[in-house]
Structures are given as structure tokens and as C-alpha cells.
Amino acid sequence: MGKIKVTQVRSNIKRPETQKRTLKALGLKGIGQTVEHNATPNILGMVKKVEHLVSVEEA
């Protein structure tokens, strides 16, 4: 199971509450912040929901 780095690149202002909660669940609090997660199906699903707000790369 690999690791991925998720970086927030766009603001969550004027986004639906579900997307804001997904970013918070991923551990992202602001633009430019990067977190590292295991590439599990749960995490990949959350990233897919907010893929327009984040960038993803393999760690």
C-alpha cells in the first residue's frame, strides 16, 4: 500500500459543506498545506470528491 501527498491548492470558500468537511477530514486547513496519507480506498474516495481543490502526488 503506497503513500500519497495531498496539497490544497484552491480555497474552500463558497464550496458545499460536504466538501469543506472532506478537506477537514483529510487534515487540510488552508491553501498550500500538505498532508501524507496511505493510499487506501477511503482516502482515495475523499480525494476524488475534492480533486478540483487539491493536487495529489505519490510520496
N, C-alpha and C. Protein backbone atom coordinates (compact mmCIF):
# COMPACT_ATOMS: atom_id res chain seq x y z
N MET A 1 0.85 -1.18 0.00
CA MET A 1 0.00 0.00 0.00
C MET A 1 0.89 1.24 0.00
N GLY A 2 0.76 2.06 -1.03
CA GLY A 2 1.60 3.24 -1.17
C GLY A 2 1.11 4.42 -0.35
N LYS A 3 1.89 5.46 -0.42
CA LYS A 3 1.52 6.71 0.25
C LYS A 3 1.32 7.78 -0.79
N ILE A 4 0.45 8.74 -0.47
CA ILE A 4 0.22 9.88 -1.35
C ILE A 4 0.36 11.15 -0.55
N LYS A 5 0.78 12.22 -1.23
CA LYS A 5 0.83 13.55 -0.65
C LYS A 5 -0.32 14.35 -1.24
N VAL A 6 -1.13 14.94 -0.39
CA VAL A 6 -2.27 15.73 -0.83
C VAL A 6 -2.02 17.17 -0.41
N THR A 7 -2.06 18.09 -1.38
CA THR A 7 -1.83 19.51 -1.13
C THR A 7 -3.05 20.30 -1.55
N GLN A 8 -3.54 21.17 -0.66
CA GLN A 8 -4.67 22.02 -1.01
C GLN A 8 -4.16 23.17 -1.88
N VAL A 9 -4.78 23.35 -3.05
CA VAL A 9 -4.33 24.39 -3.98
C VAL A 9 -5.41 25.44 -4.24
N ARG A 10 -6.64 25.18 -3.84
CA ARG A 10 -7.71 26.17 -4.01
C ARG A 10 -8.49 26.31 -2.72
N SER A 11 -9.15 27.44 -2.56
CA SER A 11 -9.88 27.75 -1.34
C SER A 11 -11.17 26.95 -1.25
N ASN A 12 -11.63 26.74 -0.02
CA ASN A 12 -12.91 26.07 0.18
C ASN A 12 -14.05 27.07 0.43
N ILE A 13 -13.77 28.35 0.24
CA ILE A 13 -14.81 29.36 0.38
C ILE A 13 -15.83 29.19 -0.74
N LYS A 14 -17.09 29.33 -0.43
CA LYS A 14 -18.20 29.16 -1.37
C LYS A 14 -18.28 27.74 -1.93
N ARG A 15 -17.86 26.77 -1.15
CA ARG A 15 -17.98 25.37 -1.53
C ARG A 15 -19.04 24.73 -0.64
N PRO A 16 -19.66 23.65 -1.11
CA PRO A 16 -20.65 22.96 -0.28
C PRO A 16 -20.03 22.46 1.03
N GLU A 17 -20.86 22.38 2.05
CA GLU A 17 -20.40 21.98 3.37
C GLU A 17 -19.75 20.59 3.34
N THR A 18 -20.24 19.70 2.49
CA THR A 18 -19.66 18.35 2.42
C THR A 18 -18.21 18.40 1.94
N GLN A 19 -17.90 19.30 1.01
CA GLN A 19 -16.52 19.42 0.54
C GLN A 19 -15.63 20.02 1.61
N LYS A 20 -16.15 20.98 2.37
CA LYS A 20 -15.38 21.56 3.47
C LYS A 20 -15.06 20.50 4.51
N ARG A 21 -16.04 19.66 4.82
CA ARG A 21 -15.82 18.60 5.81
C ARG A 21 -14.83 17.55 5.30
N THR A 22 -14.85 17.28 4.01
CA THR A 22 -13.92 16.32 3.43
C THR A 22 -12.49 16.83 3.54
N LEU A 23 -12.28 18.13 3.24
CA LEU A 23 -10.95 18.71 3.39
C LEU A 23 -10.48 18.64 4.84
N LYS A 24 -11.39 18.92 5.75
CA LYS A 24 -11.05 18.87 7.17
C LYS A 24 -10.71 17.44 7.60
N ALA A 25 -11.46 16.46 7.07
CA ALA A 25 -11.20 15.06 7.40
C ALA A 25 -9.84 14.60 6.85
N LEU A 26 -9.43 15.18 5.74
CA LEU A 26 -8.12 14.86 5.18
C LEU A 26 -6.99 15.55 5.96
N GLY A 27 -7.34 16.51 6.81
CA GLY A 27 -6.34 17.21 7.62
C GLY A 27 -5.86 18.49 6.99
N LEU A 28 -6.58 18.99 5.98
CA LEU A 28 -6.17 20.22 5.29
C LEU A 28 -6.91 21.42 5.88
N LYS A 29 -6.15 22.45 6.24
CA LYS A 29 -6.74 23.63 6.86
C LYS A 29 -6.59 24.89 6.04
N GLY A 30 -5.72 24.86 5.02
CA GLY A 30 -5.53 26.06 4.23
C GLY A 30 -4.75 25.79 2.96
N ILE A 31 -4.75 26.78 2.09
CA ILE A 31 -4.05 26.66 0.82
C ILE A 31 -2.56 26.49 1.07
N GLY A 32 -1.95 25.56 0.36
CA GLY A 32 -0.52 25.31 0.48
C GLY A 32 -0.16 24.25 1.49
N GLN A 33 -1.10 23.83 2.31
CA GLN A 33 -0.81 22.80 3.31
C GLN A 33 -0.77 21.43 2.65
N THR A 34 0.18 20.62 3.05
CA THR A 34 0.36 19.28 2.51
C THR A 34 0.25 18.26 3.63
N VAL A 35 -0.46 17.17 3.36
CA VAL A 35 -0.55 16.06 4.30
C VAL A 35 -0.22 14.77 3.54
N GLU A 36 0.21 13.77 4.29
CA GLU A 36 0.56 12.49 3.70
C GLU A 36 -0.36 11.42 4.27
N HIS A 37 -0.91 10.59 3.39
CA HIS A 37 -1.83 9.53 3.78
C HIS A 37 -1.46 8.25 3.06
N ASN A 38 -1.89 7.12 3.64
CA ASN A 38 -1.81 5.85 2.93
C ASN A 38 -2.84 5.86 1.82
N ALA A 39 -2.55 5.21 0.71
CA ALA A 39 -3.45 5.22 -0.44
C ALA A 39 -4.52 4.13 -0.29
N THR A 40 -5.37 4.28 0.71
CA THR A 40 -6.46 3.33 0.93
C THR A 40 -7.67 3.76 0.10
N PRO A 41 -8.59 2.84 -0.15
CA PRO A 41 -9.80 3.21 -0.91
C PRO A 41 -10.58 4.36 -0.26
N ASN A 42 -10.61 4.42 1.07
CA ASN A 42 -11.33 5.50 1.75
C ASN A 42 -10.70 6.86 1.46
N ILE A 43 -9.39 6.94 1.57
CA ILE A 43 -8.69 8.20 1.32
C ILE A 43 -8.80 8.59 -0.15
N LEU A 44 -8.63 7.63 -1.04
CA LEU A 44 -8.72 7.93 -2.47
C LEU A 44 -10.12 8.42 -2.84
N GLY A 45 -11.14 7.89 -2.19
CA GLY A 45 -12.51 8.36 -2.43
C GLY A 45 -12.70 9.79 -1.96
N MET A 46 -12.12 10.13 -0.81
CA MET A 46 -12.23 11.51 -0.31
C MET A 46 -11.49 12.47 -1.25
N VAL A 47 -10.33 12.05 -1.73
CA VAL A 47 -9.56 12.89 -2.66
C VAL A 47 -10.36 13.10 -3.94
N LYS A 48 -11.03 12.06 -4.42
CA LYS A 48 -11.83 12.16 -5.65
C LYS A 48 -12.95 13.19 -5.49
N LYS A 49 -13.53 13.30 -4.30
CA LYS A 49 -14.62 14.25 -4.07
C LYS A 49 -14.16 15.71 -4.13
N VAL A 50 -12.90 15.95 -3.80
CA VAL A 50 -12.39 17.32 -3.78
C VAL A 50 -11.19 17.48 -4.72
N GLU A 51 -11.15 16.68 -5.80
CA GLU A 51 -9.98 16.71 -6.68
C GLU A 51 -9.78 18.07 -7.36
N HIS A 52 -10.83 18.88 -7.44
CA HIS A 52 -10.71 20.21 -8.04
C HIS A 52 -10.09 21.22 -7.06
N LEU A 53 -9.93 20.84 -5.80
CA LEU A 53 -9.37 21.74 -4.79
C LEU A 53 -7.96 21.33 -4.35
N VAL A 54 -7.53 20.13 -4.72
CA VAL A 54 -6.25 19.61 -4.24
C VAL A 54 -5.41 19.10 -5.40
N SER A 55 -4.12 18.92 -5.12
CA SER A 55 -3.24 18.22 -6.05
C SER A 55 -2.68 17.01 -5.30
N VAL A 56 -2.46 15.93 -6.04
CA VAL A 56 -2.03 14.67 -5.43
C VAL A 56 -0.78 14.17 -6.13
N GLU A 57 0.16 13.68 -5.33
CA GLU A 57 1.36 13.05 -5.90
C GLU A 57 1.75 11.88 -5.01
N GLU A 58 2.46 10.92 -5.57
CA GLU A 58 2.92 9.77 -4.80
C GLU A 58 4.08 10.20 -3.92
N ALA A 59 4.08 9.65 -2.72
CA ALA A 59 5.14 10.00 -1.77
C ALA A 59 6.24 8.96 -1.77
